[in-house]
Amino acid sequence: MKKKKNAHIQGWDFSHIHGRYEEENDLPWNYKNIIKQYLKAEYKLLDIDTGGGEFLLTLEHPFKNTSITENYPPNIEFCKKNLVPLGINLYETNGASLLPFKDNEFDIIINKHGSFNISELFRILKTGGIFITQQVGTENDKELIELLLPKTELSFPDLYLKNISKKFRETGFKILQEQEAFCLIKFYDIGALVWYAHIIEM
């Protein structure tokens, strides 16, 4: 268990329990395909809270046009070792804070399960630029939390699509696509459940 834990925190890679659990398999959209609809090779891309860049690399975007942010120390070291040598620009910062970029700098910004600052997104996106995100909401893993920690209050009680969408519109964004889904997480053995619960707790 300790060896797996240490491997995991170098990025957000859940391959250690691949095939032993299911999460987000039944989403009514495909995050990667949506990004691919808009992404062009010449576009300046920013991935906020990239983790270990596992998802980012599947996009196969030119490294010279790719920037990332990350603020979790083990992930930062992982990115320095594996992504920076490729030519990807790394910025050590929290996605929800003021971002170290010029106005109108990026064509596309993506964010999978990370934090963000809506005003900063609006500032650093070029006119006509695109922000694409897939988030976990208030009721994410609700049944699992109720099973393991009965009577625990849900985190981020206002994190529903209608609330976040309203804030984006008020900031000046035009919403092109939005969807919300409430999916189950499935575990096929107790070891995978224990491993997952321990990692998420971190």
N, C-alpha and C. Protein backbone atom coordinates (compact mmCIF):
# COMPACT_ATOMS: atom_id res chain seq x y z
N MET A 1 0.83 -1.20 0.00
CA MET A 1 0.00 0.00 0.00
C MET A 1 0.87 1.26 0.00
N LYS A 2 1.94 1.28 0.81
CA LYS A 2 2.79 2.45 0.87
C LYS A 2 3.46 2.72 -0.46
N LYS A 3 3.92 1.69 -1.12
CA LYS A 3 4.58 1.85 -2.42
C LYS A 3 3.61 2.44 -3.43
N LYS A 4 2.38 1.95 -3.44
CA LYS A 4 1.38 2.46 -4.37
C LYS A 4 1.05 3.92 -4.06
N LYS A 5 0.95 4.24 -2.78
CA LYS A 5 0.66 5.61 -2.39
C LYS A 5 1.73 6.56 -2.89
N ASN A 6 2.98 6.21 -2.70
CA ASN A 6 4.08 7.06 -3.13
C ASN A 6 4.10 7.24 -4.64
N ALA A 7 3.75 6.18 -5.36
CA ALA A 7 3.70 6.28 -6.81
C ALA A 7 2.58 7.19 -7.24
N HIS A 8 1.46 7.11 -6.56
CA HIS A 8 0.29 7.87 -6.97
C HIS A 8 0.49 9.37 -6.87
N ILE A 9 1.12 9.85 -5.79
CA ILE A 9 1.15 11.28 -5.57
C ILE A 9 2.08 11.99 -6.55
N GLN A 10 2.77 11.27 -7.41
CA GLN A 10 3.52 11.88 -8.49
C GLN A 10 2.58 12.01 -9.68
N GLY A 11 1.69 13.01 -9.57
CA GLY A 11 0.65 13.17 -10.58
C GLY A 11 -0.64 12.56 -10.08
N TRP A 12 -1.71 12.78 -10.83
CA TRP A 12 -3.01 12.20 -10.45
C TRP A 12 -3.30 11.04 -11.38
N ASP A 13 -2.58 9.96 -11.18
CA ASP A 13 -2.68 8.78 -12.04
C ASP A 13 -3.29 7.64 -11.25
N PHE A 14 -4.53 7.24 -11.63
CA PHE A 14 -5.23 6.19 -10.91
C PHE A 14 -5.07 4.83 -11.58
N SER A 15 -4.04 4.68 -12.39
CA SER A 15 -3.84 3.41 -13.07
C SER A 15 -3.52 2.28 -12.09
N HIS A 16 -3.15 2.62 -10.87
CA HIS A 16 -2.83 1.60 -9.86
C HIS A 16 -4.03 0.73 -9.53
N ILE A 17 -5.24 1.26 -9.74
CA ILE A 17 -6.43 0.45 -9.50
C ILE A 17 -7.26 0.32 -10.78
N HIS A 18 -6.60 0.43 -11.91
CA HIS A 18 -7.29 0.29 -13.20
C HIS A 18 -7.96 -1.08 -13.29
N GLY A 19 -9.21 -1.08 -13.72
CA GLY A 19 -9.96 -2.32 -13.84
C GLY A 19 -10.60 -2.79 -12.56
N ARG A 20 -10.28 -2.12 -11.46
CA ARG A 20 -10.84 -2.51 -10.16
C ARG A 20 -11.89 -1.51 -9.67
N TYR A 21 -12.08 -0.44 -10.44
CA TYR A 21 -13.13 0.53 -10.10
C TYR A 21 -13.53 1.26 -11.37
N GLU A 22 -14.69 1.93 -11.33
CA GLU A 22 -15.17 2.72 -12.46
C GLU A 22 -15.62 4.08 -11.95
N GLU A 23 -15.19 5.12 -12.64
CA GLU A 23 -15.61 6.48 -12.31
C GLU A 23 -15.62 7.30 -13.59
N GLU A 24 -16.70 8.02 -13.82
CA GLU A 24 -16.86 8.90 -14.98
C GLU A 24 -16.96 8.13 -16.29
N ASN A 25 -17.14 6.81 -16.23
CA ASN A 25 -17.25 6.04 -17.47
C ASN A 25 -18.58 6.27 -18.17
N ASP A 26 -19.59 6.72 -17.42
CA ASP A 26 -20.91 6.90 -18.01
C ASP A 26 -21.29 8.36 -18.16
N LEU A 27 -20.31 9.24 -18.23
CA LEU A 27 -20.61 10.65 -18.47
C LEU A 27 -21.22 10.83 -19.85
N PRO A 28 -22.19 11.73 -20.00
CA PRO A 28 -22.84 11.93 -21.31
C PRO A 28 -22.03 12.81 -22.26
N TRP A 29 -20.80 13.09 -21.94
CA TRP A 29 -19.92 13.86 -22.82
C TRP A 29 -18.52 13.26 -22.76
N ASN A 30 -17.67 13.67 -23.69
CA ASN A 30 -16.28 13.23 -23.72
C ASN A 30 -15.40 14.48 -23.66
N TYR A 31 -14.81 14.70 -22.51
CA TYR A 31 -14.03 15.92 -22.27
C TYR A 31 -12.92 16.11 -23.31
N LYS A 32 -12.20 15.05 -23.60
CA LYS A 32 -11.11 15.14 -24.56
C LYS A 32 -11.62 15.49 -25.95
N ASN A 33 -12.69 14.87 -26.38
CA ASN A 33 -13.24 15.15 -27.71
C ASN A 33 -13.71 16.59 -27.83
N ILE A 34 -14.29 17.12 -26.76
CA ILE A 34 -14.74 18.52 -26.78
C ILE A 34 -13.55 19.45 -26.97
N ILE A 35 -12.48 19.19 -26.24
CA ILE A 35 -11.28 20.02 -26.38
C ILE A 35 -10.74 19.94 -27.81
N LYS A 36 -10.71 18.74 -28.35
CA LYS A 36 -10.18 18.54 -29.70
C LYS A 36 -10.99 19.30 -30.75
N GLN A 37 -12.26 19.55 -30.48
CA GLN A 37 -13.09 20.30 -31.42
C GLN A 37 -12.58 21.72 -31.61
N TYR A 38 -11.97 22.27 -30.58
CA TYR A 38 -11.55 23.67 -30.61
C TYR A 38 -10.04 23.85 -30.73
N LEU A 39 -9.26 22.87 -30.34
CA LEU A 39 -7.81 23.02 -30.25
C LEU A 39 -7.14 22.93 -31.62
N LYS A 40 -6.30 23.91 -31.92
CA LYS A 40 -5.50 23.92 -33.14
C LYS A 40 -4.02 23.97 -32.75
N ALA A 41 -3.18 23.40 -33.59
CA ALA A 41 -1.76 23.27 -33.26
C ALA A 41 -1.10 24.60 -32.93
N GLU A 42 -1.54 25.67 -33.58
CA GLU A 42 -0.91 26.97 -33.37
C GLU A 42 -1.44 27.70 -32.15
N TYR A 43 -2.45 27.16 -31.51
CA TYR A 43 -3.06 27.82 -30.35
C TYR A 43 -2.16 27.73 -29.12
N LYS A 44 -2.18 28.79 -28.33
CA LYS A 44 -1.52 28.79 -27.03
C LYS A 44 -2.47 28.16 -26.02
N LEU A 45 -2.02 27.05 -25.42
CA LEU A 45 -2.85 26.26 -24.52
C LEU A 45 -2.33 26.35 -23.09
N LEU A 46 -3.24 26.54 -22.14
CA LEU A 46 -2.90 26.51 -20.72
C LEU A 46 -3.74 25.43 -20.03
N ASP A 47 -3.06 24.55 -19.31
CA ASP A 47 -3.73 23.53 -18.50
C ASP A 47 -3.55 23.89 -17.03
N ILE A 48 -4.63 24.30 -16.38
CA ILE A 48 -4.58 24.72 -14.98
C ILE A 48 -4.71 23.51 -14.06
N ASP A 49 -3.86 23.45 -13.05
CA ASP A 49 -3.84 22.31 -12.11
C ASP A 49 -3.68 21.01 -12.88
N THR A 50 -2.59 20.90 -13.58
CA THR A 50 -2.37 19.77 -14.50
C THR A 50 -2.16 18.44 -13.81
N GLY A 51 -1.86 18.46 -12.50
CA GLY A 51 -1.51 17.20 -11.83
C GLY A 51 -0.13 16.76 -12.30
N GLY A 52 -0.06 15.58 -12.88
CA GLY A 52 1.19 15.12 -13.47
C GLY A 52 1.18 15.23 -14.98
N GLY A 53 0.18 15.92 -15.53
CA GLY A 53 0.09 16.10 -16.98
C GLY A 53 -0.38 14.88 -17.73
N GLU A 54 -0.92 13.89 -17.00
CA GLU A 54 -1.33 12.64 -17.66
C GLU A 54 -2.36 12.88 -18.75
N PHE A 55 -3.39 13.66 -18.42
CA PHE A 55 -4.41 13.94 -19.43
C PHE A 55 -3.87 14.88 -20.50
N LEU A 56 -3.16 15.89 -20.10
CA LEU A 56 -2.62 16.87 -21.05
C LEU A 56 -1.86 16.20 -22.18
N LEU A 57 -1.02 15.25 -21.86
CA LEU A 57 -0.19 14.61 -22.87
C LEU A 57 -1.01 13.83 -23.89
N THR A 58 -2.20 13.39 -23.52
CA THR A 58 -3.04 12.66 -24.48
C THR A 58 -3.56 13.57 -25.58
N LEU A 59 -3.51 14.88 -25.36
CA LEU A 59 -3.97 15.83 -26.38
C LEU A 59 -2.95 15.99 -27.50
N GLU A 60 -1.70 15.64 -27.23
CA GLU A 60 -0.61 15.72 -28.22
C GLU A 60 -0.50 17.12 -28.83
N HIS A 61 -0.63 18.13 -27.98
CA HIS A 61 -0.49 19.51 -28.44
C HIS A 61 0.99 19.87 -28.49
N PRO A 62 1.41 20.69 -29.45
CA PRO A 62 2.82 21.08 -29.52
C PRO A 62 3.32 21.62 -28.18
N PHE A 63 4.41 21.06 -27.71
CA PHE A 63 4.90 21.43 -26.38
C PHE A 63 5.25 22.91 -26.29
N LYS A 64 5.77 23.48 -27.38
CA LYS A 64 6.19 24.88 -27.36
C LYS A 64 5.00 25.82 -27.17
N ASN A 65 3.80 25.34 -27.46
CA ASN A 65 2.60 26.15 -27.31
C ASN A 65 1.79 25.75 -26.07
N THR A 66 2.42 25.04 -25.16
CA THR A 66 1.71 24.51 -24.00
C THR A 66 2.30 25.04 -22.70
N SER A 67 1.42 25.53 -21.83
CA SER A 67 1.81 25.96 -20.49
C SER A 67 0.93 25.25 -19.47
N ILE A 68 1.47 25.06 -18.27
CA ILE A 68 0.73 24.38 -17.22
C ILE A 68 0.91 25.12 -15.90
N THR A 69 -0.08 24.98 -15.01
CA THR A 69 0.09 25.42 -13.63
C THR A 69 -0.11 24.23 -12.71
N GLU A 70 0.58 24.25 -11.59
CA GLU A 70 0.43 23.20 -10.57
C GLU A 70 0.96 23.77 -9.26
N ASN A 71 0.32 23.40 -8.14
CA ASN A 71 0.78 23.93 -6.84
C ASN A 71 0.99 22.86 -5.78
N TYR A 72 0.77 21.59 -6.12
CA TYR A 72 0.99 20.51 -5.17
C TYR A 72 2.43 20.05 -5.30
N PRO A 73 3.27 20.22 -4.25
CA PRO A 73 4.72 19.99 -4.37
C PRO A 73 5.14 18.68 -5.04
N PRO A 74 4.58 17.51 -4.68
CA PRO A 74 5.00 16.29 -5.37
C PRO A 74 4.71 16.33 -6.87
N ASN A 75 3.57 16.93 -7.24
CA ASN A 75 3.25 17.05 -8.66
C ASN A 75 4.18 18.02 -9.37
N ILE A 76 4.55 19.09 -8.68
CA ILE A 76 5.49 20.05 -9.27
C ILE A 76 6.80 19.37 -9.61
N GLU A 77 7.32 18.59 -8.69
CA GLU A 77 8.58 17.88 -8.95
C GLU A 77 8.43 16.89 -10.09
N PHE A 78 7.28 16.23 -10.14
CA PHE A 78 7.02 15.29 -11.23
C PHE A 78 7.00 16.01 -12.58
N CYS A 79 6.36 17.19 -12.61
CA CYS A 79 6.29 17.97 -13.86
C CYS A 79 7.66 18.48 -14.27
N LYS A 80 8.45 18.90 -13.30
CA LYS A 80 9.80 19.37 -13.61
C LYS A 80 10.64 18.27 -14.25
N LYS A 81 10.44 17.07 -13.77
CA LYS A 81 11.22 15.94 -14.25
C LYS A 81 10.73 15.43 -15.60
N ASN A 82 9.41 15.46 -15.82
CA ASN A 82 8.85 14.78 -16.99
C ASN A 82 8.27 15.69 -18.06
N LEU A 83 7.81 16.89 -17.70
CA LEU A 83 7.16 17.76 -18.68
C LEU A 83 8.03 18.93 -19.12
N VAL A 84 8.71 19.55 -18.18
CA VAL A 84 9.56 20.70 -18.53
C VAL A 84 10.62 20.34 -19.56
N PRO A 85 11.29 19.18 -19.46
CA PRO A 85 12.28 18.82 -20.48
C PRO A 85 11.70 18.70 -21.89
N LEU A 86 10.39 18.52 -21.99
CA LEU A 86 9.75 18.43 -23.30
C LEU A 86 9.57 19.80 -23.94
N GLY A 87 9.71 20.86 -23.13
CA GLY A 87 9.50 22.22 -23.63
C GLY A 87 8.22 22.84 -23.13
N ILE A 88 7.51 22.15 -22.26
CA ILE A 88 6.28 22.68 -21.67
C ILE A 88 6.65 23.68 -20.57
N ASN A 89 5.94 24.81 -20.54
CA ASN A 89 6.21 25.85 -19.56
C ASN A 89 5.43 25.58 -18.28
N LEU A 90 6.13 25.48 -17.15
CA LEU A 90 5.51 25.19 -15.86
C LEU A 90 5.50 26.45 -14.99
N TYR A 91 4.33 26.73 -14.40
CA TYR A 91 4.18 27.84 -13.47
C TYR A 91 3.65 27.29 -12.15
N GLU A 92 4.39 27.53 -11.09
CA GLU A 92 4.03 27.00 -9.78
C GLU A 92 3.07 27.97 -9.10
N THR A 93 1.79 27.72 -9.26
CA THR A 93 0.78 28.62 -8.71
C THR A 93 -0.53 27.90 -8.52
N ASN A 94 -1.35 28.43 -7.66
CA ASN A 94 -2.69 27.90 -7.42
C ASN A 94 -3.64 28.43 -8.48
N GLY A 95 -4.43 27.54 -9.07
CA GLY A 95 -5.33 27.95 -10.14
C GLY A 95 -6.37 28.97 -9.71
N ALA A 96 -6.67 29.04 -8.42
CA ALA A 96 -7.69 29.96 -7.93
C ALA A 96 -7.11 31.34 -7.59
N SER A 97 -5.81 31.49 -7.69
CA SER A 97 -5.16 32.75 -7.31
C SER A 97 -4.99 33.66 -8.53
N LEU A 98 -4.35 34.80 -8.33
CA LEU A 98 -3.98 35.65 -9.46
C LEU A 98 -2.91 34.92 -10.26
N LEU A 99 -3.06 34.89 -11.56
CA LEU A 99 -2.19 34.07 -12.40
C LEU A 99 -1.08 34.90 -13.04
N PRO A 100 0.11 34.33 -13.18
CA PRO A 100 1.29 35.07 -13.65
C PRO A 100 1.37 35.17 -15.18
N PHE A 101 0.27 35.63 -15.79
CA PHE A 101 0.23 35.71 -17.24
C PHE A 101 -0.26 37.09 -17.68
N LYS A 102 0.12 37.46 -18.90
CA LYS A 102 -0.32 38.73 -19.46
C LYS A 102 -1.78 38.65 -19.85
N ASP A 103 -2.40 39.80 -20.02
CA ASP A 103 -3.76 39.85 -20.55
C ASP A 103 -3.79 39.25 -21.95
N ASN A 104 -4.88 38.59 -22.29
CA ASN A 104 -5.09 38.09 -23.66
C ASN A 104 -3.96 37.17 -24.13
N GLU A 105 -3.50 36.27 -23.28
CA GLU A 105 -2.33 35.46 -23.63
C GLU A 105 -2.67 34.11 -24.26
N PHE A 106 -3.81 33.52 -23.91
CA PHE A 106 -4.09 32.15 -24.32
C PHE A 106 -5.32 32.04 -25.22
N ASP A 107 -5.22 31.10 -26.18
CA ASP A 107 -6.36 30.80 -27.04
C ASP A 107 -7.33 29.84 -26.36
N ILE A 108 -6.78 28.89 -25.63
CA ILE A 108 -7.60 27.89 -24.94
C ILE A 108 -7.01 27.63 -23.55
N ILE A 109 -7.89 27.57 -22.57
CA ILE A 109 -7.51 27.17 -21.22
C ILE A 109 -8.37 25.97 -20.84
N ILE A 110 -7.73 24.93 -20.31
CA ILE A 110 -8.46 23.75 -19.87
C ILE A 110 -8.20 23.52 -18.38
N ASN A 111 -9.13 22.82 -17.75
CA ASN A 111 -9.03 22.58 -16.32
C ASN A 111 -9.88 21.37 -15.98
N LYS A 112 -9.23 20.29 -15.59
CA LYS A 112 -9.95 19.07 -15.22
C LYS A 112 -9.82 18.86 -13.71
N HIS A 113 -10.92 19.10 -13.02
CA HIS A 113 -11.00 18.86 -11.57
C HIS A 113 -10.09 19.79 -10.77
N GLY A 114 -9.73 20.92 -11.32
CA GLY A 114 -8.87 21.86 -10.61
C GLY A 114 -9.63 23.11 -10.20
N SER A 115 -8.97 23.95 -9.42
CA SER A 115 -9.57 25.22 -9.01
C SER A 115 -9.33 26.27 -10.09
N PHE A 116 -10.14 27.32 -10.06
CA PHE A 116 -9.95 28.40 -11.03
C PHE A 116 -10.52 29.70 -10.50
N ASN A 117 -10.04 30.79 -11.08
CA ASN A 117 -10.48 32.14 -10.76
C ASN A 117 -11.13 32.70 -12.02
N ILE A 118 -12.43 32.87 -12.00
CA ILE A 118 -13.17 33.23 -13.21
C ILE A 118 -12.69 34.56 -13.79
N SER A 119 -12.46 35.54 -12.95
CA SER A 119 -12.00 36.84 -13.43
C SER A 119 -10.63 36.74 -14.09
N GLU A 120 -9.76 35.92 -13.53
CA GLU A 120 -8.44 35.73 -14.12
C GLU A 120 -8.53 34.98 -15.45
N LEU A 121 -9.42 34.02 -15.54
CA LEU A 121 -9.62 33.33 -16.82
C LEU A 121 -10.03 34.32 -17.90
N PHE A 122 -10.96 35.19 -17.56
CA PHE A 122 -11.44 36.18 -18.52
C PHE A 122 -10.32 37.12 -18.94
N ARG A 123 -9.46 37.46 -18.00
CA ARG A 123 -8.36 38.40 -18.28
C ARG A 123 -7.31 37.81 -19.21
N ILE A 124 -6.92 36.55 -18.98
CA ILE A 124 -5.79 35.99 -19.73
C ILE A 124 -6.20 35.30 -21.03
N LEU A 125 -7.49 35.10 -21.23
CA LEU A 125 -7.95 34.54 -22.51
C LEU A 125 -7.97 35.62 -23.58
N LYS A 126 -7.58 35.25 -24.79
CA LYS A 126 -7.70 36.16 -25.91
C LYS A 126 -9.18 36.39 -26.22
N THR A 127 -9.48 37.47 -26.90
CA THR A 127 -10.85 37.71 -27.35
C THR A 127 -11.29 36.54 -28.22
N GLY A 128 -12.40 35.93 -27.89
CA GLY A 128 -12.85 34.75 -28.61
C GLY A 128 -12.23 33.46 -28.11
N GLY A 129 -11.40 33.55 -27.06
CA GLY A 129 -10.76 32.36 -26.50
C GLY A 129 -11.75 31.46 -25.79
N ILE A 130 -11.32 30.23 -25.54
CA ILE A 130 -12.20 29.20 -25.01
C ILE A 130 -11.67 28.67 -23.67
N PHE A 131 -12.57 28.55 -22.70
CA PHE A 131 -12.26 27.85 -21.45
C PHE A 131 -13.11 26.59 -21.39
N ILE A 132 -12.45 25.45 -21.20
CA ILE A 132 -13.14 24.16 -21.14
C ILE A 132 -12.77 23.48 -19.84
N THR A 133 -13.77 23.11 -19.06
CA THR A 133 -13.49 22.48 -17.78
C THR A 133 -14.44 21.33 -17.50
N GLN A 134 -13.93 20.34 -16.80
CA GLN A 134 -14.75 19.25 -16.26
C GLN A 134 -14.48 19.23 -14.76
N GLN A 135 -15.53 19.43 -13.98
CA GLN A 135 -15.39 19.59 -12.54
C GLN A 135 -16.14 18.51 -11.77
N VAL A 136 -15.79 18.37 -10.51
CA VAL A 136 -16.61 17.57 -9.60
C VAL A 136 -17.44 18.54 -8.78
N GLY A 137 -18.70 18.19 -8.56
CA GLY A 137 -19.62 19.09 -7.89
C GLY A 137 -19.89 18.71 -6.45
N THR A 138 -20.86 19.37 -5.88
CA THR A 138 -21.21 19.18 -4.48
C THR A 138 -21.49 17.73 -4.14
N GLU A 139 -22.19 17.03 -5.03
CA GLU A 139 -22.62 15.67 -4.72
C GLU A 139 -21.66 14.59 -5.24
N ASN A 140 -20.46 15.00 -5.63
CA ASN A 140 -19.49 14.02 -6.11
C ASN A 140 -19.16 13.00 -5.02
N ASP A 141 -19.24 11.72 -5.37
CA ASP A 141 -18.96 10.62 -4.42
C ASP A 141 -19.85 10.70 -3.18
N LYS A 142 -21.05 11.25 -3.33
CA LYS A 142 -21.95 11.44 -2.19
C LYS A 142 -22.24 10.13 -1.47
N GLU A 143 -22.56 9.09 -2.24
CA GLU A 143 -22.90 7.80 -1.62
C GLU A 143 -21.70 7.20 -0.89
N LEU A 144 -20.51 7.37 -1.48
CA LEU A 144 -19.29 6.85 -0.85
C LEU A 144 -19.02 7.56 0.47
N ILE A 145 -19.18 8.88 0.47
CA ILE A 145 -18.96 9.65 1.69
C ILE A 145 -19.95 9.24 2.78
N GLU A 146 -21.22 9.06 2.38
CA GLU A 146 -22.23 8.67 3.35
C GLU A 146 -21.95 7.27 3.91
N LEU A 147 -21.34 6.41 3.09
CA LEU A 147 -21.01 5.06 3.54
C LEU A 147 -19.85 5.07 4.53
N LEU A 148 -18.81 5.83 4.21
CA LEU A 148 -17.60 5.81 5.02
C LEU A 148 -17.63 6.81 6.18
N LEU A 149 -18.30 7.94 5.95
CA LEU A 149 -18.34 9.01 6.96
C LEU A 149 -19.77 9.50 7.13
N PRO A 150 -20.62 8.72 7.75
CA PRO A 150 -22.03 9.09 7.91
C PRO A 150 -22.19 10.46 8.58
N LYS A 151 -23.19 11.21 8.10
CA LYS A 151 -23.55 12.52 8.65
C LYS A 151 -22.51 13.60 8.37
N THR A 152 -21.56 13.31 7.51
CA THR A 152 -20.58 14.33 7.13
C THR A 152 -21.22 15.32 6.16
N GLU A 153 -21.05 16.60 6.41
CA GLU A 153 -21.59 17.61 5.51
C GLU A 153 -20.81 17.59 4.20
N LEU A 154 -21.53 17.77 3.10
CA LEU A 154 -20.90 17.78 1.79
C LEU A 154 -20.03 19.02 1.63
N SER A 155 -18.88 18.83 1.03
CA SER A 155 -17.99 19.97 0.77
C SER A 155 -18.55 20.82 -0.36
N PHE A 156 -18.21 22.10 -0.36
CA PHE A 156 -18.58 23.02 -1.45
C PHE A 156 -20.07 22.93 -1.77
N PRO A 157 -20.95 23.30 -0.83
CA PRO A 157 -22.39 23.13 -1.02
C PRO A 157 -22.98 23.90 -2.19
N ASP A 158 -22.29 24.90 -2.70
CA ASP A 158 -22.82 25.71 -3.80
C ASP A 158 -22.28 25.29 -5.16
N LEU A 159 -21.50 24.21 -5.20
CA LEU A 159 -20.84 23.84 -6.45
C LEU A 159 -21.76 23.00 -7.34
N TYR A 160 -22.78 23.68 -7.86
CA TYR A 160 -23.69 23.11 -8.85
C TYR A 160 -23.55 23.90 -10.15
N LEU A 161 -23.86 23.25 -11.26
CA LEU A 161 -23.67 23.88 -12.56
C LEU A 161 -24.38 25.23 -12.66
N LYS A 162 -25.63 25.30 -12.22
CA LYS A 162 -26.39 26.54 -12.37
C LYS A 162 -25.71 27.71 -11.64
N ASN A 163 -25.09 27.43 -10.51
CA ASN A 163 -24.43 28.49 -9.75
C ASN A 163 -23.14 28.95 -10.43
N ILE A 164 -22.34 28.00 -10.87
CA ILE A 164 -21.07 28.34 -11.53
C ILE A 164 -21.32 29.01 -12.88
N SER A 165 -22.29 28.49 -13.62
CA SER A 165 -22.64 29.06 -14.92
C SER A 165 -23.05 30.53 -14.78
N LYS A 166 -23.81 30.82 -13.76
CA LYS A 166 -24.25 32.20 -13.50
C LYS A 166 -23.05 33.12 -13.28
N LYS A 167 -22.08 32.65 -12.52
CA LYS A 167 -20.89 33.46 -12.25
C LYS A 167 -20.09 33.73 -13.53
N PHE A 168 -19.99 32.73 -14.40
CA PHE A 168 -19.28 32.93 -15.67
C PHE A 168 -19.98 33.97 -16.53
N ARG A 169 -21.29 33.88 -16.62
CA ARG A 169 -22.05 34.85 -17.42
C ARG A 169 -21.90 36.26 -16.86
N GLU A 170 -21.94 36.38 -15.56
CA GLU A 170 -21.81 37.69 -14.92
C GLU A 170 -20.43 38.30 -15.16
N THR A 171 -19.43 37.46 -15.38
CA THR A 171 -18.07 37.94 -15.64
C THR A 171 -17.88 38.37 -17.09
N GLY A 172 -18.75 37.91 -17.98
CA GLY A 172 -18.66 38.29 -19.38
C GLY A 172 -18.49 37.14 -20.34
N PHE A 173 -18.49 35.91 -19.84
CA PHE A 173 -18.36 34.74 -20.70
C PHE A 173 -19.68 34.43 -21.42
N LYS A 174 -19.55 33.87 -22.61
CA LYS A 174 -20.68 33.29 -23.32
C LYS A 174 -20.56 31.77 -23.21
N ILE A 175 -21.60 31.12 -22.72
CA ILE A 175 -21.58 29.67 -22.53
C ILE A 175 -21.95 28.98 -23.84
N LEU A 176 -21.03 28.19 -24.38
CA LEU A 176 -21.29 27.46 -25.63
C LEU A 176 -21.86 26.08 -25.36
N GLN A 177 -21.36 25.41 -24.34
CA GLN A 177 -21.85 24.08 -23.96
C GLN A 177 -21.81 23.96 -22.45
N GLU A 178 -22.83 23.31 -21.89
CA GLU A 178 -22.79 23.00 -20.46
C GLU A 178 -23.67 21.79 -20.19
N GLN A 179 -23.17 20.90 -19.35
CA GLN A 179 -23.90 19.70 -18.96
C GLN A 179 -23.56 19.34 -17.52
N GLU A 180 -24.48 18.65 -16.90
CA GLU A 180 -24.28 18.20 -15.53
C GLU A 180 -24.75 16.76 -15.43
N ALA A 181 -24.00 15.93 -14.73
CA ALA A 181 -24.35 14.52 -14.59
C ALA A 181 -24.06 14.06 -13.17
N PHE A 182 -24.88 13.15 -12.69
CA PHE A 182 -24.71 12.58 -11.36
C PHE A 182 -24.46 11.09 -11.53
N CYS A 183 -23.20 10.70 -11.41
CA CYS A 183 -22.78 9.33 -11.73
C CYS A 183 -22.32 8.60 -10.47
N LEU A 184 -22.44 7.29 -10.52
CA LEU A 184 -21.98 6.45 -9.42
C LEU A 184 -20.52 6.08 -9.61
N ILE A 185 -19.83 5.88 -8.50
CA ILE A 185 -18.49 5.31 -8.55
C ILE A 185 -18.61 3.86 -8.09
N LYS A 186 -17.97 2.95 -8.83
CA LYS A 186 -18.12 1.52 -8.55
C LYS A 186 -16.76 0.91 -8.22
N PHE A 187 -16.72 0.11 -7.16
CA PHE A 187 -15.50 -0.60 -6.77
C PHE A 187 -15.76 -2.10 -6.86
N TYR A 188 -14.75 -2.83 -7.35
CA TYR A 188 -14.90 -4.27 -7.54
C TYR A 188 -14.12 -5.10 -6.53
N ASP A 189 -13.36 -4.43 -5.65
CA ASP A 189 -12.75 -5.14 -4.53
C ASP A 189 -12.46 -4.15 -3.42
N ILE A 190 -12.39 -4.65 -2.20
CA ILE A 190 -12.24 -3.79 -1.03
C ILE A 190 -10.88 -3.09 -1.02
N GLY A 191 -9.86 -3.72 -1.59
CA GLY A 191 -8.55 -3.10 -1.63
C GLY A 191 -8.55 -1.82 -2.44
N ALA A 192 -9.25 -1.83 -3.56
CA ALA A 192 -9.35 -0.63 -4.39
C ALA A 192 -10.08 0.48 -3.66
N LEU A 193 -11.13 0.12 -2.93
CA LEU A 193 -11.89 1.11 -2.16
C LEU A 193 -11.02 1.74 -1.08
N VAL A 194 -10.28 0.92 -0.36
CA VAL A 194 -9.41 1.44 0.71
C VAL A 194 -8.33 2.34 0.13
N TRP A 195 -7.72 1.91 -0.97
CA TRP A 195 -6.67 2.71 -1.62
C TRP A 195 -7.22 4.06 -2.06
N TYR A 196 -8.38 4.05 -2.71
CA TYR A 196 -9.00 5.27 -3.22
C TYR A 196 -9.34 6.22 -2.08
N ALA A 197 -9.97 5.68 -1.04
CA ALA A 197 -10.37 6.51 0.10
C ALA A 197 -9.16 7.15 0.77
N HIS A 198 -8.08 6.42 0.86
CA HIS A 198 -6.87 6.94 1.51
C HIS A 198 -6.23 8.04 0.67
N ILE A 199 -6.17 7.84 -0.63
CA ILE A 199 -5.55 8.84 -1.51
C ILE A 199 -6.37 10.11 -1.56
N ILE A 200 -7.68 9.99 -1.71
CA ILE A 200 -8.54 11.17 -1.79
C ILE A 200 -8.48 11.96 -0.49
N GLU A 201 -8.33 11.27 0.62
CA GLU A 201 -8.24 11.94 1.91
C GLU A 201 -7.06 12.89 1.96
N MET A 202 -5.98 12.57 1.22
CA MET A 202 -4.80 13.41 1.21
C MET A 202 -5.08 14.75 0.57
